[in-house]
Protein backbone atom coordinates (compact mmCIF):
# COMPACT_ATOMS: atom_id res chain seq x y z
CA MET A 1 -0.53 -0.06 0.01
CA SER A 2 1.41 3.65 -0.44
CA VAL A 3 1.44 6.82 1.23
CA LEU A 4 -0.28 10.19 -0.88
CA VAL A 5 0.90 13.43 0.20
CA THR A 6 -0.94 16.53 -1.31
CA GLY A 7 1.86 19.24 -1.71
CA GLY A 8 4.82 17.13 -1.06
CA CYS A 9 7.69 19.22 -3.54
CA GLY A 10 6.73 21.43 -0.81
CA TYR A 11 9.59 22.63 2.31
CA ILE A 12 7.53 20.22 4.85
CA GLY A 13 5.99 17.79 1.91
CA ALA A 14 9.74 17.14 0.71
CA HIS A 15 11.03 16.32 4.42
CA VAL A 16 7.55 14.19 5.97
CA VAL A 17 8.50 12.08 2.00
CA HIS A 18 11.59 11.93 2.82
CA ALA A 19 11.37 10.42 5.98
CA LEU A 20 8.46 8.37 5.07
CA GLN A 21 11.40 7.16 1.80
CA GLU A 22 13.31 6.45 5.73
CA THR A 23 10.72 4.05 6.99
CA ASP A 24 10.41 2.40 2.45
CA LYS A 25 6.63 3.46 2.47
CA ASP A 26 6.13 3.93 -0.85
CA VAL A 27 4.34 7.32 -1.49
CA VAL A 28 2.79 9.36 -4.54
CA VAL A 29 2.64 13.07 -4.83
CA VAL A 30 0.60 15.63 -6.12
CA ASP A 31 1.93 18.71 -5.79
CA ASP A 32 0.94 22.17 -8.46
CA LEU A 33 4.60 22.89 -8.60
CA SER A 34 3.34 26.22 -7.08
CA TYR A 35 6.30 26.57 -4.34
CA GLY A 36 8.04 23.26 -4.60
CA ARG A 37 10.17 21.81 -6.61
CA PRO A 38 9.77 17.64 -7.61
CA ASP A 39 13.66 17.33 -7.37
CA ARG A 40 12.95 17.20 -3.77
CA ILE A 41 11.58 13.88 -3.56
CA GLY A 42 13.66 11.24 -4.74
CA ASN A 43 11.89 8.29 -6.41
CA ALA A 44 8.40 9.14 -5.79
CA ARG A 45 6.03 9.13 -8.01
CA LEU A 46 4.93 13.02 -8.98
CA TYR A 47 1.53 13.71 -10.72
CA GLY A 48 0.47 17.20 -11.27
CA ALA A 49 -2.28 18.47 -10.22
CA ASP A 50 -4.61 21.58 -7.90
CA VAL A 51 -6.43 19.79 -5.29
CA ALA A 52 -8.38 22.85 -5.26
CA ALA A 53 -9.49 22.66 -9.41
CA PRO A 54 -13.34 21.89 -10.26
CA GLY A 55 -12.86 17.57 -10.24
CA ALA A 56 -10.25 17.50 -8.52
CA ASP A 57 -11.41 14.85 -6.47
CA GLN A 58 -12.22 12.17 -9.22
CA ARG A 59 -8.48 12.89 -11.01
CA LEU A 60 -7.06 12.07 -6.91
CA ALA A 61 -9.65 9.56 -6.67
CA GLU A 62 -8.25 8.01 -10.17
CA ILE A 63 -4.73 8.55 -8.29
CA ILE A 64 -5.47 6.95 -5.21
CA GLU A 65 -6.99 3.78 -6.72
CA GLU A 66 -3.96 3.33 -9.79
CA ASN A 67 -1.20 3.42 -6.86
CA LYS A 68 -3.26 1.07 -4.00
CA VAL A 69 -3.27 4.36 -1.65
CA ASP A 70 -4.31 3.80 1.99
CA SER A 71 -3.24 6.89 3.66
CA VAL A 72 -3.42 10.28 2.56
CA ILE A 73 -1.11 13.25 4.07
CA HIS A 74 -2.89 16.54 2.90
CA PHE A 75 0.04 19.84 3.13
CA ALA A 76 -1.30 21.38 -0.17
CA ALA A 77 -3.18 24.76 0.92
CA ARG A 78 -1.79 28.26 0.55
CA LYS A 79 0.40 28.82 3.67
CA GLN A 80 0.53 32.85 4.74
CA VAL A 81 -1.42 35.41 7.27
CA GLY A 82 -0.58 38.25 5.69
CA GLU A 83 -2.05 37.13 2.03
CA SER A 84 -4.48 35.42 3.75
CA VAL A 85 -6.13 38.80 5.23
CA GLU A 86 -6.08 40.51 1.92
CA LYS A 87 -7.47 37.87 -0.42
CA PRO A 88 -9.78 36.10 2.04
CA ILE A 89 -12.57 34.68 -0.54
CA TRP A 90 -9.32 33.34 -2.54
CA TYR A 91 -7.87 31.92 0.62
CA TYR A 92 -11.44 30.09 1.55
CA ARG A 93 -11.69 28.88 -2.35
CA GLN A 94 -8.29 27.85 -1.93
CA ASN A 95 -7.65 25.22 0.96
CA LEU A 96 -11.74 24.64 1.54
CA ASN A 97 -11.83 22.87 -1.54
CA GLY A 98 -8.64 20.93 -1.40
CA MET A 99 -9.84 19.69 1.73
CA ILE A 100 -13.52 19.12 0.36
CA ASN A 101 -11.94 16.84 -3.16
CA VAL A 102 -9.16 15.30 -0.73
CA LEU A 103 -11.98 14.31 1.49
CA SER A 104 -13.80 13.37 -1.79
CA ALA A 105 -11.91 11.71 -3.21
CA MET A 106 -10.94 9.59 -0.31
CA ALA A 107 -14.76 8.47 0.58
CA LYS A 108 -14.56 7.00 -2.80
CA THR A 109 -11.86 4.90 -2.63
CA ASN A 110 -10.52 2.83 -0.03
CA ALA A 111 -7.90 5.65 1.51
CA LYS A 112 -9.63 5.72 4.60
CA LYS A 113 -6.76 7.28 6.90
CA LEU A 114 -5.70 11.13 6.56
CA VAL A 115 -3.13 13.47 8.34
CA PHE A 116 -4.07 16.70 8.26
CA SER A 117 -1.63 19.44 7.96
CA SER A 118 -3.07 21.80 10.65
CA SER A 119 -2.03 24.70 11.46
CA ALA A 120 -1.19 27.26 15.21
CA ALA A 121 -2.67 29.29 13.37
CA THR A 122 -6.54 27.85 14.62
CA TYR A 123 -6.40 29.38 18.71
CA GLY A 124 -6.21 32.98 17.54
CA GLU A 125 -5.29 34.96 20.68
CA PRO A 126 -6.28 32.09 23.18
CA PRO A 127 -6.28 33.30 26.98
CA VAL A 128 -3.30 31.38 27.61
CA ASP A 129 0.60 31.31 27.83
CA VAL A 130 0.98 27.98 26.94
CA VAL A 131 -2.40 26.05 24.91
CA PRO A 132 -3.79 22.80 24.90
CA GLU A 133 -5.59 21.49 22.15
CA ASP A 134 -9.12 22.17 24.50
CA VAL A 135 -8.59 25.20 24.76
CA GLN A 136 -11.96 27.04 24.47
CA PRO A 137 -12.60 29.60 22.70
CA MET A 138 -11.29 29.70 19.43
CA VAL A 139 -11.31 31.60 17.44
CA PRO A 140 -8.77 32.28 15.18
CA ILE A 141 -7.63 36.01 14.05
CA ASN A 142 -7.22 35.61 10.29
CA PRO A 143 -8.02 33.49 6.97
CA TYR A 144 -5.99 31.64 7.66
CA GLY A 145 -6.13 30.05 10.79
CA GLN A 146 -10.30 30.48 9.21
CA THR A 147 -9.66 27.56 7.01
CA LYS A 148 -7.28 25.17 8.85
CA LEU A 149 -9.77 25.36 12.33
CA VAL A 150 -13.00 24.40 9.19
CA GLY A 151 -10.60 21.50 7.71
CA GLU A 152 -10.77 20.28 10.61
CA TRP A 153 -14.08 20.35 11.38
CA MET A 154 -14.71 18.55 7.30
CA ALA A 155 -12.43 15.63 8.36
CA ARG A 156 -14.14 14.94 11.81
CA ALA A 157 -17.85 14.86 10.02
CA CYS A 158 -16.79 12.38 7.12
CA GLU A 159 -15.02 10.09 9.73
CA GLN A 160 -18.27 8.23 10.45
CA PRO A 161 -21.02 7.99 7.12
CA TYR A 162 -17.02 7.54 5.14
CA GLY A 163 -15.04 5.62 7.01
CA ILE A 164 -12.36 8.17 7.27
CA ARG A 165 -9.40 8.24 10.51
CA PHE A 166 -8.68 11.28 11.06
CA CYS A 167 -6.34 13.57 12.96
CA ALA A 168 -4.57 16.70 12.79
CA LEU A 169 -1.32 18.12 13.54
CA ARG A 170 -1.38 21.82 14.55
CA TYR A 171 2.39 23.18 13.31
CA PHE A 172 3.80 26.22 15.80
CA ASN A 173 6.66 27.58 13.62
CA VAL A 174 7.93 25.69 11.67
CA ALA A 175 11.66 25.92 10.55
CA GLY A 176 15.25 25.10 10.21
CA CYS A 177 16.25 21.83 7.35
CA GLY A 178 17.24 17.97 7.28
CA PRO A 179 19.35 17.11 4.04
CA VAL A 180 19.80 20.41 2.54
CA SER A 181 18.41 20.17 -0.61
CA LEU A 182 14.94 19.99 1.19
CA GLU A 183 15.55 23.74 2.31
CA ASP A 184 12.64 26.39 2.79
CA PRO A 185 12.70 27.22 -1.47
CA ALA A 186 10.37 29.86 -0.77
CA VAL A 187 10.64 33.53 0.94
CA LEU A 188 7.89 32.78 3.21
CA ASN A 189 9.29 31.98 6.73
CA LEU A 190 10.31 33.92 9.93
CA ILE A 191 14.52 32.58 9.28
CA PRO A 192 14.24 32.24 5.01
CA MET A 193 13.14 36.17 5.32
CA LEU A 194 15.95 36.69 6.92
CA PHE A 195 18.54 35.51 5.45
CA ASP A 196 17.11 36.64 2.17
CA ARG A 197 17.45 40.07 3.38
CA LEU A 198 21.12 39.39 4.15
CA ARG A 199 21.57 37.97 0.89
CA GLN A 200 20.27 41.78 -0.66
CA GLY A 201 22.70 43.54 1.73
CA LYS A 202 19.36 45.14 3.18
CA ALA A 203 18.71 44.83 7.50
CA PRO A 204 16.39 42.44 7.87
CA ALA A 205 12.95 43.24 9.19
CA ILE A 206 11.54 42.79 12.71
CA PHE A 207 7.24 43.21 12.58
CA GLY A 208 6.62 45.18 15.43
CA ASP A 209 8.67 45.26 18.52
CA ASP A 210 5.23 46.92 20.65
CA TYR A 211 4.12 43.35 21.62
CA PRO A 212 3.20 42.72 25.00
CA THR A 213 5.65 40.45 25.27
CA PRO A 214 8.99 40.55 27.35
CA ASP A 215 10.64 42.42 24.56
CA GLY A 216 7.84 43.75 22.41
CA THR A 217 8.08 41.64 19.47
CA CYS A 218 6.14 38.29 18.81
CA VAL A 219 6.26 34.91 21.02
CA ARG A 220 6.41 32.04 19.02
CA ASP A 221 6.87 28.04 19.41
CA TYR A 222 10.12 26.98 16.85
CA ILE A 223 10.06 23.00 15.00
CA HIS A 224 12.37 22.06 13.74
CA VAL A 225 11.00 20.52 10.20
CA SER A 226 12.37 17.26 10.78
CA ASP A 227 11.15 16.63 14.61
CA LEU A 228 7.41 17.75 11.81
CA ALA A 229 8.28 15.22 10.03
CA ASP A 230 9.11 12.33 12.51
CA ALA A 231 5.86 12.93 13.97
CA HIS A 232 3.94 12.44 10.43
CA ILE A 233 5.18 8.92 10.69
CA ALA A 234 3.52 8.73 15.06
CA ALA A 235 0.29 9.91 13.42
CA LEU A 236 -0.02 7.28 10.84
CA ASP A 237 0.80 4.57 13.40
CA TYR A 238 -2.14 6.19 15.87
CA LEU A 239 -4.23 5.84 12.46
CA ASP A 240 -4.16 2.55 12.88
CA ARG A 241 -5.31 2.04 16.52
CA ASP A 242 -8.32 0.85 16.87
CA GLN A 243 -8.55 2.90 20.24
CA ARG A 244 -7.57 6.75 19.61
CA ARG A 245 -8.53 9.35 22.09
CA TYR A 246 -7.97 12.68 20.20
CA ASP A 247 -8.18 13.78 17.03
CA ALA A 248 -6.02 17.23 17.06
CA PHE A 249 -3.04 17.14 18.26
CA ASN A 250 0.03 19.76 18.92
CA VAL A 251 3.26 20.06 16.80
CA GLY A 252 5.73 22.67 19.23
CA THR A 253 8.18 22.46 21.99
CA GLY A 254 6.72 24.11 24.63
CA GLN A 255 9.11 26.41 24.48
CA GLY A 256 8.40 30.14 24.03
CA THR A 257 11.56 32.65 21.73
CA SER A 258 11.09 35.91 20.29
CA VAL A 259 11.03 37.23 17.43
CA ARG A 260 14.38 38.79 18.20
CA GLN A 261 16.16 35.82 20.29
CA ILE A 262 15.33 34.84 16.61
CA VAL A 263 17.44 37.53 14.75
CA ASP A 264 20.20 37.63 18.09
CA GLU A 265 20.41 33.53 17.41
CA VAL A 266 20.87 34.54 12.95
CA LYS A 267 24.05 37.27 13.85
CA LYS A 268 25.72 34.48 16.46
CA VAL A 269 25.26 31.85 13.37
CA THR A 270 25.70 33.99 10.19
CA GLY A 271 28.98 36.03 12.51
CA LEU A 272 27.17 38.94 10.26
CA PRO A 273 27.16 42.42 12.41
CA PHE A 274 24.23 43.74 10.78
CA THR A 275 21.56 45.63 12.68
CA GLU A 276 17.73 44.47 12.42
CA ALA A 277 14.90 47.60 11.31
CA VAL A 278 12.14 47.67 13.16
CA LYS A 279 8.45 47.62 10.91
CA PRO A 280 5.01 48.30 11.83
CA ARG A 281 2.96 45.21 12.89
CA ARG A 282 1.20 42.96 10.01
CA ALA A 283 -1.78 41.92 10.09
CA GLY A 284 -3.37 38.78 11.94
CA ASP A 285 0.21 37.89 13.90
CA PRO A 286 -1.07 37.09 17.79
CA PRO A 287 1.40 38.47 20.68
CA HIS A 288 2.23 35.27 21.60
CA LEU A 289 1.35 31.73 20.82
CA ILE A 290 2.99 28.10 22.51
CA GLY A 291 2.76 24.99 22.42
CA ASP A 292 0.95 22.36 24.64
CA PRO A 293 2.60 19.49 23.02
CA THR A 294 1.68 16.97 26.47
CA ARG A 295 -0.97 15.25 24.17
CA ILE A 296 1.63 14.19 21.28
CA ASN A 297 4.33 13.23 23.99
CA THR A 298 1.74 10.76 25.93
CA GLU A 299 -0.38 9.04 22.51
CA MET A 300 2.14 8.80 19.95
CA GLY A 301 5.71 8.97 21.98
CA TRP A 302 7.15 12.03 20.06
CA HIS A 303 9.24 14.56 21.88
CA ALA A 304 10.99 17.01 20.01
CA LYS A 305 15.03 16.62 20.16
CA TYR A 306 15.80 20.16 18.34
CA GLY A 307 15.71 23.53 19.32
CA VAL A 308 16.37 26.64 18.25
CA GLU A 309 20.48 27.03 17.93
CA GLU A 310 20.04 24.13 16.41
CA ILE A 311 16.95 25.68 14.16
CA VAL A 312 19.08 28.48 12.61
CA GLU A 313 22.23 26.22 12.10
CA SER A 314 20.89 23.39 10.25
CA ALA A 315 18.69 26.35 7.95
CA TRP A 316 22.10 28.80 7.12
CA LYS A 317 23.79 24.99 6.82
CA ALA A 318 20.90 24.25 3.69
CA TRP A 319 21.10 28.49 2.62
CA GLN A 320 24.83 28.95 2.11
CA ALA A 321 24.76 25.39 0.30
CA ASN A 322 23.12 26.90 -2.94
CA PRO A 323 25.08 28.76 -4.50
CA ALA A 324 21.54 30.82 -5.42
CA HIS A 325 21.81 32.16 -1.77
CA HIS A 326 24.99 32.27 -1.36
CA ILE A 327 26.31 35.13 0.69
CA ASP A 328 30.18 35.89 1.00
CA THR A 329 30.56 36.09 4.36
CA ASP A 330 33.94 38.02 4.92
CA GLY A 331 32.96 40.51 1.93
CA TRP A 332 29.79 41.16 3.37
CA GLN A 333 28.52 44.59 4.17
CA GLN A 334 25.18 45.84 5.39
CA GLN A 335 23.53 48.64 2.86
CA ASP A 336 21.69 51.44 4.70
């Protein structure tokens, strides 16, 4: 039997494909290649398709049957918080239609295990510093988070009528790199954004330093992408159990790190003497978001292995390994 990974050519998806292949799983990937690269998935079979397109459920069902797929890991979605605030209708169409098509394809076939790429954005601005999965209320403050929460509702509703075993992994801030060939290809997350500004010789930006946090910058729970990939393997094993108490899990460390602390770690790892620029807050960013990993620790036996230092070091190593990104640290000068 095979595992279908939607969005498997992207940053997180490619790490999960790699982890699956390390356990000798047969892997099939569906990706529209809007952000991903086909050279990142080894010998996995690749089908170029947009899961959100009209009629994509039938194409997905054909791929599932052709490859004897029994499990689906669904990544393919749009993921930029700020963009979701600017283009909410498009985000709803992309992310919710994609989820509907995946569930519809599974309902028609023998693929009955689903691991859904959810997000800590589902929590919005929770009333506690360290967030458990059952915190109430769950009120996402941006359309991206709303689509992820509704995606969970959709999957949960499909469990009984279609026999789909489902769990959602609510990621916190994913960063770092495993094999250097799997570096984050899009400059959408904090650490690649910092590196990209350095590549251009420009001051990295901090968006807002007036939040109600110890140093005024947003505090997040940073999880190494290799740890996250291992969580997906654990989730597939969890779905094989007849008795499952939960269907939503935080994937984090339980430790908070501020944006300024990440910037300081980047200074330490790169050795570049830059001065960061402070810019206005971005719409839709909560000040504080840390996950309580107790449930996944207990139920799946999964624990994060890496901290912020390893995250930044691995990301920098992967960035430097790409000739298009290389920064000459000896002759580097920051521009005004």
